[in-house]
């Protein structure tokens, strides 16, 4: 029982320490890393700063995500845990 509680506590601590990455995707380009953050809130704040100058009708927002039109092209910002890559698994990786 003590071992089980200890494992649960360490898993909770690990998830609390998870870093977040802000990704940017523009048409015709690969996803690009725009920065690393210690929390989803700080990553989300970076997205808010990046899109704050865009007209509101062009921006679709949710926590950790934004989608907007710039020059007629769709651009997307996304905050993901550092263990998740929106490009998918690496080819030939194990």
PDB file of N, CA and C in Angstrom:
ATOM      1  N   UNK A   1       0.820  -1.184   0.000  1.00  0.00           N
ATOM      2  CA  UNK A   1       0.000   0.000   0.000  1.00  0.00           C
ATOM      3  C   UNK A   1       0.870   1.257   0.000  1.00  0.00           C
ATOM      4  N   UNK A   2       1.907   1.267   0.805  1.00  0.00           N
ATOM      5  CA  UNK A   2       2.802   2.423   0.880  1.00  0.00           C
ATOM      6  C   UNK A   2       3.516   2.625  -0.452  1.00  0.00           C
ATOM      7  N   UNK A   3       3.939   1.533  -1.077  1.00  0.00           N
ATOM      8  CA  UNK A   3       4.606   1.619  -2.375  1.00  0.00           C
ATOM      9  C   UNK A   3       3.653   2.207  -3.412  1.00  0.00           C
ATOM     10  N   UNK A   4       2.397   1.777  -3.400  1.00  0.00           N
ATOM     11  CA  UNK A   4       1.400   2.261  -4.350  1.00  0.00           C
ATOM     12  C   UNK A   4       1.180   3.761  -4.162  1.00  0.00           C
ATOM     13  N   UNK A   5       1.042   4.223  -2.931  1.00  0.00           N
ATOM     14  CA  UNK A   5       0.857   5.653  -2.665  1.00  0.00           C
ATOM     15  C   UNK A   5       2.085   6.449  -3.080  1.00  0.00           C
ATOM     16  N   UNK A   6       3.253   5.876  -2.846  1.00  0.00           N
ATOM     17  CA  UNK A   6       4.492   6.538  -3.237  1.00  0.00           C
ATOM     18  C   UNK A   6       4.567   6.711  -4.753  1.00  0.00           C
ATOM     19  N   UNK A   7       4.174   5.691  -5.509  1.00  0.00           N
ATOM     20  CA  UNK A   7       4.170   5.784  -6.973  1.00  0.00           C
ATOM     21  C   UNK A   7       3.175   6.827  -7.457  1.00  0.00           C
ATOM     22  N   UNK A   8       2.000   6.864  -6.851  1.00  0.00           N
ATOM     23  CA  UNK A   8       1.004   7.861  -7.233  1.00  0.00           C
ATOM     24  C   UNK A   8       1.496   9.275  -6.946  1.00  0.00           C
ATOM     25  N   UNK A   9       2.134   9.478  -5.820  1.00  0.00           N
ATOM     26  CA  UNK A   9       2.660  10.796  -5.454  1.00  0.00           C
ATOM     27  C   UNK A   9       3.742  11.241  -6.429  1.00  0.00           C
ATOM     28  N   UNK A  10       4.626  10.330  -6.833  1.00  0.00           N
ATOM     29  CA  UNK A  10       5.690  10.708  -7.770  1.00  0.00           C
ATOM     30  C   UNK A  10       5.122  11.007  -9.149  1.00  0.00           C
ATOM     31  N   UNK A  11       4.073  10.303  -9.561  1.00  0.00           N
ATOM     32  CA  UNK A  11       3.437  10.579 -10.855  1.00  0.00           C
ATOM     33  C   UNK A  11       2.779  11.942 -10.838  1.00  0.00           C
ATOM     34  N   UNK A  12       2.127  12.303  -9.746  1.00  0.00           N
ATOM     35  CA  UNK A  12       1.485  13.613  -9.640  1.00  0.00           C
ATOM     36  C   UNK A  12       2.524  14.723  -9.669  1.00  0.00           C
ATOM     37  N   UNK A  13       3.652  14.518  -8.992  1.00  0.00           N
ATOM     38  CA  UNK A  13       4.726  15.511  -8.993  1.00  0.00           C
ATOM     39  C   UNK A  13       5.306  15.680 -10.385  1.00  0.00           C
ATOM     40  N   UNK A  14       5.505  14.589 -11.105  1.00  0.00           N
ATOM     41  CA  UNK A  14       6.068  14.655 -12.458  1.00  0.00           C
ATOM     42  C   UNK A  14       5.142  15.420 -13.385  1.00  0.00           C
ATOM     43  N   UNK A  15       3.834  15.191 -13.295  1.00  0.00           N
ATOM     44  CA  UNK A  15       2.922  15.897 -14.183  1.00  0.00           C
ATOM     45  C   UNK A  15       2.844  17.377 -13.830  1.00  0.00           C
ATOM     46  N   UNK A  16       3.009  17.721 -12.561  1.00  0.00           N
ATOM     47  CA  UNK A  16       2.977  19.115 -12.144  1.00  0.00           C
ATOM     48  C   UNK A  16       4.202  19.871 -12.651  1.00  0.00           C
ATOM     49  N   UNK A  17       5.311  19.171 -12.869  1.00  0.00           N
ATOM     50  CA  UNK A  17       6.546  19.807 -13.322  1.00  0.00           C
ATOM     51  C   UNK A  17       6.673  19.834 -14.835  1.00  0.00           C
ATOM     52  N   UNK A  18       5.675  19.352 -15.541  1.00  0.00           N
ATOM     53  CA  UNK A  18       5.734  19.249 -16.990  1.00  0.00           C
ATOM     54  C   UNK A  18       5.923  20.626 -17.622  1.00  0.00           C
ATOM     55  N   UNK A  19       6.817  20.728 -18.559  1.00  0.00           N
ATOM     56  CA  UNK A  19       7.034  21.969 -19.291  1.00  0.00           C
ATOM     57  C   UNK A  19       6.093  22.025 -20.490  1.00  0.00           C
ATOM     58  N   UNK A  20       5.835  23.219 -20.952  1.00  0.00           N
ATOM     59  CA  UNK A  20       4.935  23.444 -22.088  1.00  0.00           C
ATOM     60  C   UNK A  20       5.692  24.115 -23.215  1.00  0.00           C
ATOM     61  N   UNK A  21       5.314  23.797 -24.442  1.00  0.00           N
ATOM     62  CA  UNK A  21       5.956  24.358 -25.628  1.00  0.00           C
ATOM     63  C   UNK A  21       4.900  25.062 -26.470  1.00  0.00           C
ATOM     64  N   UNK A  22       5.222  26.273 -26.917  1.00  0.00           N
ATOM     65  CA  UNK A  22       4.339  26.989 -27.841  1.00  0.00           C
ATOM     66  C   UNK A  22       4.795  26.688 -29.262  1.00  0.00           C
ATOM     67  N   UNK A  23       3.858  26.179 -30.065  1.00  0.00           N
ATOM     68  CA  UNK A  23       4.110  25.833 -31.460  1.00  0.00           C
ATOM     69  C   UNK A  23       3.376  26.811 -32.365  1.00  0.00           C
ATOM     70  N   UNK A  24       3.960  27.115 -33.517  1.00  0.00           N
ATOM     71  CA  UNK A  24       3.320  27.949 -34.537  1.00  0.00           C
ATOM     72  C   UNK A  24       3.286  27.177 -35.839  1.00  0.00           C
ATOM     73  N   UNK A  25       2.125  27.179 -36.487  1.00  0.00           N
ATOM     74  CA  UNK A  25       1.967  26.533 -37.784  1.00  0.00           C
ATOM     75  C   UNK A  25       1.416  27.548 -38.766  1.00  0.00           C
ATOM     76  N   UNK A  26       2.128  27.759 -39.859  1.00  0.00           N
ATOM     77  CA  UNK A  26       1.663  28.640 -40.920  1.00  0.00           C
ATOM     78  C   UNK A  26       1.532  27.817 -42.195  1.00  0.00           C
ATOM     79  N   UNK A  27       0.704  28.257 -43.131  1.00  0.00           N
ATOM     80  CA  UNK A  27       0.485  27.481 -44.356  1.00  0.00           C
ATOM     81  C   UNK A  27       1.787  27.167 -45.093  1.00  0.00           C
ATOM     82  N   UNK A  28       1.920  25.933 -45.524  1.00  0.00           N
ATOM     83  CA  UNK A  28       3.076  25.521 -46.305  1.00  0.00           C
ATOM     84  C   UNK A  28       4.348  25.328 -45.508  1.00  0.00           C
ATOM     85  N   UNK A  29       4.292  25.479 -44.196  1.00  0.00           N
ATOM     86  CA  UNK A  29       5.490  25.322 -43.370  1.00  0.00           C
ATOM     87  C   UNK A  29       5.277  24.253 -42.322  1.00  0.00           C
ATOM     88  N   UNK A  30       6.356  23.738 -41.805  1.00  0.00           N
ATOM     89  CA  UNK A  30       6.298  22.797 -40.696  1.00  0.00           C
ATOM     90  C   UNK A  30       5.937  23.553 -39.424  1.00  0.00           C
ATOM     91  N   UNK A  31       5.535  22.816 -38.404  1.00  0.00           N
ATOM     92  CA  UNK A  31       5.348  23.411 -37.098  1.00  0.00           C
ATOM     93  C   UNK A  31       6.692  23.938 -36.606  1.00  0.00           C
ATOM     94  N   UNK A  32       6.691  25.098 -35.988  1.00  0.00           N
ATOM     95  CA  UNK A  32       7.911  25.701 -35.442  1.00  0.00           C
ATOM     96  C   UNK A  32       7.752  25.920 -33.947  1.00  0.00           C
ATOM     97  N   UNK A  33       8.790  25.633 -33.189  1.00  0.00           N
ATOM     98  CA  UNK A  33       8.794  25.900 -31.753  1.00  0.00           C
ATOM     99  C   UNK A  33       9.009  27.395 -31.556  1.00  0.00           C
ATOM    100  N   UNK A  34       8.113  28.016 -30.784  1.00  0.00           N
ATOM    101  CA  UNK A  34       8.195  29.451 -30.531  1.00  0.00           C
ATOM    102  C   UNK A  34       8.645  29.775 -29.110  1.00  0.00           C
ATOM    103  N   UNK A  35       8.776  28.760 -28.272  1.00  0.00           N
ATOM    104  CA  UNK A  35       9.246  28.989 -26.909  1.00  0.00           C
ATOM    105  C   UNK A  35       8.827  27.885 -25.970  1.00  0.00           C
ATOM    106  N   UNK A  36       9.513  27.797 -24.840  1.00  0.00           N
ATOM    107  CA  UNK A  36       9.208  26.827 -23.802  1.00  0.00           C
ATOM    108  C   UNK A  36       8.780  27.555 -22.537  1.00  0.00           C
ATOM    109  N   UNK A  37       7.861  26.948 -21.773  1.00  0.00           N
ATOM    110  CA  UNK A  37       7.282  27.594 -20.603  1.00  0.00           C
ATOM    111  C   UNK A  37       7.103  26.590 -19.482  1.00  0.00           C
ATOM    112  N   UNK A  38       7.080  27.076 -18.246  1.00  0.00           N
ATOM    113  CA  UNK A  38       6.931  26.197 -17.094  1.00  0.00           C
ATOM    114  C   UNK A  38       5.478  25.830 -16.813  1.00  0.00           C
ATOM    115  N   UNK A  39       4.525  26.573 -17.413  1.00  0.00           N
ATOM    116  CA  UNK A  39       3.110  26.279 -17.171  1.00  0.00           C
ATOM    117  C   UNK A  39       2.285  26.575 -18.416  1.00  0.00           C
ATOM    118  N   UNK A  40       1.112  25.960 -18.480  1.00  0.00           N
ATOM    119  CA  UNK A  40       0.187  26.241 -19.574  1.00  0.00           C
ATOM    120  C   UNK A  40      -0.230  27.705 -19.544  1.00  0.00           C
ATOM    121  N   UNK A  41      -0.411  28.251 -18.359  1.00  0.00           N
ATOM    122  CA  UNK A  41      -0.825  29.646 -18.236  1.00  0.00           C
ATOM    123  C   UNK A  41       0.204  30.597 -18.844  1.00  0.00           C
ATOM    124  N   UNK A  42       1.493  30.357 -18.600  1.00  0.00           N
ATOM    125  CA  UNK A  42       2.523  31.248 -19.158  1.00  0.00           C
ATOM    126  C   UNK A  42       2.644  31.049 -20.669  1.00  0.00           C
ATOM    127  N   UNK A  43       2.450  29.826 -21.152  1.00  0.00           N
ATOM    128  CA  UNK A  43       2.451  29.578 -22.596  1.00  0.00           C
ATOM    129  C   UNK A  43       1.272  30.292 -23.245  1.00  0.00           C
ATOM    130  N   UNK A  44       0.104  30.178 -22.616  1.00  0.00           N
ATOM    131  CA  UNK A  44      -1.100  30.838 -23.120  1.00  0.00           C
ATOM    132  C   UNK A  44      -0.927  32.356 -23.142  1.00  0.00           C
ATOM    133  N   UNK A  45      -0.269  32.903 -22.126  1.00  0.00           N
ATOM    134  CA  UNK A  45      -0.021  34.350 -22.080  1.00  0.00           C
ATOM    135  C   UNK A  45       0.867  34.782 -23.252  1.00  0.00           C
ATOM    136  N   UNK A  46       1.823  33.947 -23.628  1.00  0.00           N
ATOM    137  CA  UNK A  46       2.678  34.262 -24.781  1.00  0.00           C
ATOM    138  C   UNK A  46       1.864  34.291 -26.073  1.00  0.00           C
ATOM    139  N   UNK A  47       0.917  33.364 -26.199  1.00  0.00           N
ATOM    140  CA  UNK A  47       0.031  33.386 -27.366  1.00  0.00           C
ATOM    141  C   UNK A  47      -0.793  34.667 -27.362  1.00  0.00           C
ATOM    142  N   UNK A  48      -1.353  35.030 -26.214  1.00  0.00           N
ATOM    143  CA  UNK A  48      -2.159  36.245 -26.106  1.00  0.00           C
ATOM    144  C   UNK A  48      -1.351  37.474 -26.534  1.00  0.00           C
ATOM    145  N   UNK A  49      -0.114  37.534 -26.106  1.00  0.00           N
ATOM    146  CA  UNK A  49       0.749  38.651 -26.479  1.00  0.00           C
ATOM    147  C   UNK A  49       0.983  38.661 -27.989  1.00  0.00           C
ATOM    148  N   UNK A  50       1.218  37.492 -28.559  1.00  0.00           N
ATOM    149  CA  UNK A  50       1.510  37.389 -29.991  1.00  0.00           C
ATOM    150  C   UNK A  50       0.324  37.809 -30.855  1.00  0.00           C
ATOM    151  N   UNK A  51      -0.887  37.534 -30.411  1.00  0.00           N
ATOM    152  CA  UNK A  51      -2.060  37.835 -31.237  1.00  0.00           C
ATOM    153  C   UNK A  51      -2.802  39.097 -30.784  1.00  0.00           C
ATOM    154  N   UNK A  52      -2.291  39.790 -29.777  1.00  0.00           N
ATOM    155  CA  UNK A  52      -3.002  40.938 -29.208  1.00  0.00           C
ATOM    156  C   UNK A  52      -3.212  42.080 -30.202  1.00  0.00           C
ATOM    157  N   UNK A  53      -2.407  42.174 -31.234  1.00  0.00           N
ATOM    158  CA  UNK A  53      -2.539  43.272 -32.199  1.00  0.00           C
ATOM    159  C   UNK A  53      -3.435  42.920 -33.387  1.00  0.00           C
ATOM    160  N   UNK A  54      -3.950  41.692 -33.407  1.00  0.00           N
ATOM    161  CA  UNK A  54      -4.819  41.281 -34.512  1.00  0.00           C
ATOM    162  C   UNK A  54      -6.250  41.730 -34.257  1.00  0.00           C
ATOM    163  N   UNK A  55      -7.001  42.043 -35.324  1.00  0.00           N
ATOM    164  CA  UNK A  55      -8.413  42.396 -35.136  1.00  0.00           C
ATOM    165  C   UNK A  55      -9.163  41.233 -34.481  1.00  0.00           C
ATOM    166  N   UNK A  56     -10.015  41.509 -33.478  1.00  0.00           N
ATOM    167  CA  UNK A  56     -10.694  40.442 -32.731  1.00  0.00           C
ATOM    168  C   UNK A  56     -11.507  39.480 -33.597  1.00  0.00           C
ATOM    169  N   UNK A  57     -12.123  39.960 -34.655  1.00  0.00           N
ATOM    170  CA  UNK A  57     -12.940  39.075 -35.487  1.00  0.00           C
ATOM    171  C   UNK A  57     -12.096  38.053 -36.240  1.00  0.00           C
ATOM    172  N   UNK A  58     -10.805  38.253 -36.301  1.00  0.00           N
ATOM    173  CA  UNK A  58      -9.941  37.321 -37.012  1.00  0.00           C
ATOM    174  C   UNK A  58      -9.365  36.236 -36.102  1.00  0.00           C
ATOM    175  N   UNK A  59      -9.581  36.342 -34.795  1.00  0.00           N
ATOM    176  CA  UNK A  59      -8.935  35.444 -33.844  1.00  0.00           C
ATOM    177  C   UNK A  59      -9.952  34.493 -33.210  1.00  0.00           C
ATOM    178  N   UNK A  60      -9.654  33.198 -33.239  1.00  0.00           N
ATOM    179  CA  UNK A  60     -10.433  32.198 -32.511  1.00  0.00           C
ATOM    180  C   UNK A  60      -9.532  31.728 -31.375  1.00  0.00           C
ATOM    181  N   UNK A  61     -10.000  31.854 -30.135  1.00  0.00           N
ATOM    182  CA  UNK A  61      -9.148  31.531 -28.992  1.00  0.00           C
ATOM    183  C   UNK A  61      -9.804  30.544 -28.052  1.00  0.00           C
ATOM    184  N   UNK A  62      -8.980  29.730 -27.472  1.00  0.00           N
ATOM    185  CA  UNK A  62      -9.350  28.882 -26.360  1.00  0.00           C
ATOM    186  C   UNK A  62      -8.069  28.741 -25.546  1.00  0.00           C
ATOM    187  N   UNK A  63      -8.157  28.299 -24.316  1.00  0.00           N
ATOM    188  CA  UNK A  63      -6.950  28.211 -23.486  1.00  0.00           C
ATOM    189  C   UNK A  63      -5.904  27.330 -24.156  1.00  0.00           C
ATOM    190  N   UNK A  64      -4.716  27.881 -24.366  1.00  0.00           N
ATOM    191  CA  UNK A  64      -3.614  27.132 -24.960  1.00  0.00           C
ATOM    192  C   UNK A  64      -3.694  26.973 -26.455  1.00  0.00           C
ATOM    193  N   UNK A  65      -4.591  27.718 -27.118  1.00  0.00           N
ATOM    194  CA  UNK A  65      -4.781  27.562 -28.562  1.00  0.00           C
ATOM    195  C   UNK A  65      -5.252  28.878 -29.166  1.00  0.00           C
ATOM    196  N   UNK A  66      -4.795  29.196 -30.354  1.00  0.00           N
ATOM    197  CA  UNK A  66      -5.355  30.307 -31.120  1.00  0.00           C
ATOM    198  C   UNK A  66      -5.252  29.989 -32.599  1.00  0.00           C
ATOM    199  N   UNK A  67      -6.194  30.480 -33.344  1.00  0.00           N
ATOM    200  CA  UNK A  67      -6.208  30.328 -34.796  1.00  0.00           C
ATOM    201  C   UNK A  67      -6.627  31.674 -35.353  1.00  0.00           C
ATOM    202  N   UNK A  68      -5.953  32.151 -36.386  1.00  0.00           N
ATOM    203  CA  UNK A  68      -6.269  33.471 -36.921  1.00  0.00           C
ATOM    204  C   UNK A  68      -5.845  33.575 -38.370  1.00  0.00           C
ATOM    205  N   UNK A  69      -6.443  34.534 -39.052  1.00  0.00           N
ATOM    206  CA  UNK A  69      -6.096  34.817 -40.442  1.00  0.00           C
ATOM    207  C   UNK A  69      -5.132  35.993 -40.464  1.00  0.00           C
ATOM    208  N   UNK A  70      -4.076  35.842 -41.223  1.00  0.00           N
ATOM    209  CA  UNK A  70      -3.121  36.944 -41.415  1.00  0.00           C
ATOM    210  C   UNK A  70      -2.787  36.958 -42.894  1.00  0.00           C
ATOM    211  N   UNK A  71      -3.137  38.044 -43.547  1.00  0.00           N
ATOM    212  CA  UNK A  71      -2.877  38.149 -44.989  1.00  0.00           C
ATOM    213  C   UNK A  71      -3.599  37.075 -45.784  1.00  0.00           C
ATOM    214  N   UNK A  72      -4.797  36.677 -45.332  1.00  0.00           N
ATOM    215  CA  UNK A  72      -5.563  35.658 -46.032  1.00  0.00           C
ATOM    216  C   UNK A  72      -5.097  34.236 -45.783  1.00  0.00           C
ATOM    217  N   UNK A  73      -4.128  34.053 -44.901  1.00  0.00           N
ATOM    218  CA  UNK A  73      -3.584  32.732 -44.586  1.00  0.00           C
ATOM    219  C   UNK A  73      -3.885  32.374 -43.130  1.00  0.00           C
ATOM    220  N   UNK A  74      -4.243  31.128 -42.892  1.00  0.00           N
ATOM    221  CA  UNK A  74      -4.524  30.655 -41.539  1.00  0.00           C
ATOM    222  C   UNK A  74      -3.227  30.355 -40.811  1.00  0.00           C
ATOM    223  N   UNK A  75      -3.098  30.909 -39.612  1.00  0.00           N
ATOM    224  CA  UNK A  75      -1.964  30.601 -38.737  1.00  0.00           C
ATOM    225  C   UNK A  75      -2.517  30.062 -37.434  1.00  0.00           C
ATOM    226  N   UNK A  76      -1.798  29.104 -36.839  1.00  0.00           N
ATOM    227  CA  UNK A  76      -2.234  28.503 -35.588  1.00  0.00           C
ATOM    228  C   UNK A  76      -1.119  28.498 -34.563  1.00  0.00           C
ATOM    229  N   UNK A  77      -1.455  28.848 -33.339  1.00  0.00           N
ATOM    230  CA  UNK A  77      -0.575  28.727 -32.178  1.00  0.00           C
ATOM    231  C   UNK A  77      -1.166  27.650 -31.291  1.00  0.00           C
ATOM    232  N   UNK A  78      -0.308  26.864 -30.679  1.00  0.00           N
ATOM    233  CA  UNK A  78      -0.784  25.783 -29.839  1.00  0.00           C
ATOM    234  C   UNK A  78       0.209  25.533 -28.715  1.00  0.00           C
ATOM    235  N   UNK A  79      -0.292  25.403 -27.487  1.00  0.00           N
ATOM    236  CA  UNK A  79       0.545  25.028 -26.345  1.00  0.00           C
ATOM    237  C   UNK A  79       0.348  23.546 -26.078  1.00  0.00           C
ATOM    238  N   UNK A  80       1.443  22.815 -26.039  1.00  0.00           N
ATOM    239  CA  UNK A  80       1.398  21.379 -25.774  1.00  0.00           C
ATOM    240  C   UNK A  80       2.446  21.019 -24.722  1.00  0.00           C
ATOM    241  N   UNK A  81       2.208  19.951 -23.952  1.00  0.00           N
ATOM    242  CA  UNK A  81       3.262  19.486 -23.042  1.00  0.00           C
ATOM    243  C   UNK A  81       4.526  19.164 -23.849  1.00  0.00           C
ATOM    244  N   UNK A  82       5.680  19.309 -23.219  1.00  0.00           N
ATOM    245  CA  UNK A  82       6.937  19.090 -23.947  1.00  0.00           C
ATOM    246  C   UNK A  82       7.120  17.655 -24.425  1.00  0.00           C
ATOM    247  N   UNK A  83       6.275  16.759 -24.002  1.00  0.00           N
ATOM    248  CA  UNK A  83       6.347  15.369 -24.452  1.00  0.00           C
ATOM    249  C   UNK A  83       5.522  15.115 -25.707  1.00  0.00           C
ATOM    250  N   UNK A  84       4.782  16.125 -26.179  1.00  0.00           N
ATOM    251  CA  UNK A  84       3.906  15.982 -27.345  1.00  0.00           C
ATOM    252  C   UNK A  84       4.442  16.839 -28.485  1.00  0.00           C
ATOM    253  N   UNK A  85       4.559  16.232 -29.663  1.00  0.00           N
ATOM    254  CA  UNK A  85       5.044  16.931 -30.855  1.00  0.00           C
ATOM    255  C   UNK A  85       3.933  16.913 -31.904  1.00  0.00           C
ATOM    256  N   UNK A  86       3.415  18.085 -32.319  1.00  0.00           N
ATOM    257  CA  UNK A  86       2.317  18.109 -33.294  1.00  0.00           C
ATOM    258  C   UNK A  86       2.708  17.583 -34.678  1.00  0.00           C
ATOM    259  N   UNK A  87       4.006  17.432 -34.912  1.00  0.00           N
ATOM    260  CA  UNK A  87       4.471  16.915 -36.196  1.00  0.00           C
ATOM    261  C   UNK A  87       4.324  15.391 -36.270  1.00  0.00           C
ATOM    262  N   UNK A  88       3.987  14.771 -35.136  1.00  0.00           N
ATOM    263  CA  UNK A  88       3.853  13.313 -35.095  1.00  0.00           C
ATOM    264  C   UNK A  88       5.165  12.653 -34.761  1.00  0.00           C
ATOM    265  N   UNK A  89       5.163  11.315 -34.755  1.00  0.00           N
ATOM    266  CA  UNK A  89       6.401  10.589 -34.421  1.00  0.00           C
ATOM    267  C   UNK A  89       7.457  10.773 -35.505  1.00  0.00           C
ATOM    268  N   UNK A  90       8.699  10.753 -35.082  1.00  0.00           N
ATOM    269  CA  UNK A  90       9.808  10.855 -36.030  1.00  0.00           C
ATOM    270  C   UNK A  90       9.856   9.589 -36.886  1.00  0.00           C
ATOM    271  N   UNK A  91      10.143   9.758 -38.164  1.00  0.00           N
ATOM    272  CA  UNK A  91      10.272   8.595 -39.064  1.00  0.00           C
ATOM    273  C   UNK A  91      11.462   7.747 -38.611  1.00  0.00           C
ATOM    274  N   UNK A  92      11.238   6.454 -38.511  1.00  0.00           N
ATOM    275  CA  UNK A  92      12.303   5.527 -38.132  1.00  0.00           C
ATOM    276  C   UNK A  92      12.674   5.583 -36.671  1.00  0.00           C
ATOM    277  N   UNK A  93      11.973   6.428 -35.870  1.00  0.00           N
ATOM    278  CA  UNK A  93      12.285   6.526 -34.454  1.00  0.00           C
ATOM    279  C   UNK A  93      11.758   5.340 -33.681  1.00  0.00           C
ATOM    280  N   UNK A  94      12.364   5.071 -32.532  1.00  0.00           N
ATOM    281  CA  UNK A  94      11.916   3.967 -31.699  1.00  0.00           C
ATOM    282  C   UNK A  94      11.602   4.436 -30.321  1.00  0.00           C
TER     283      UNK A  94
END
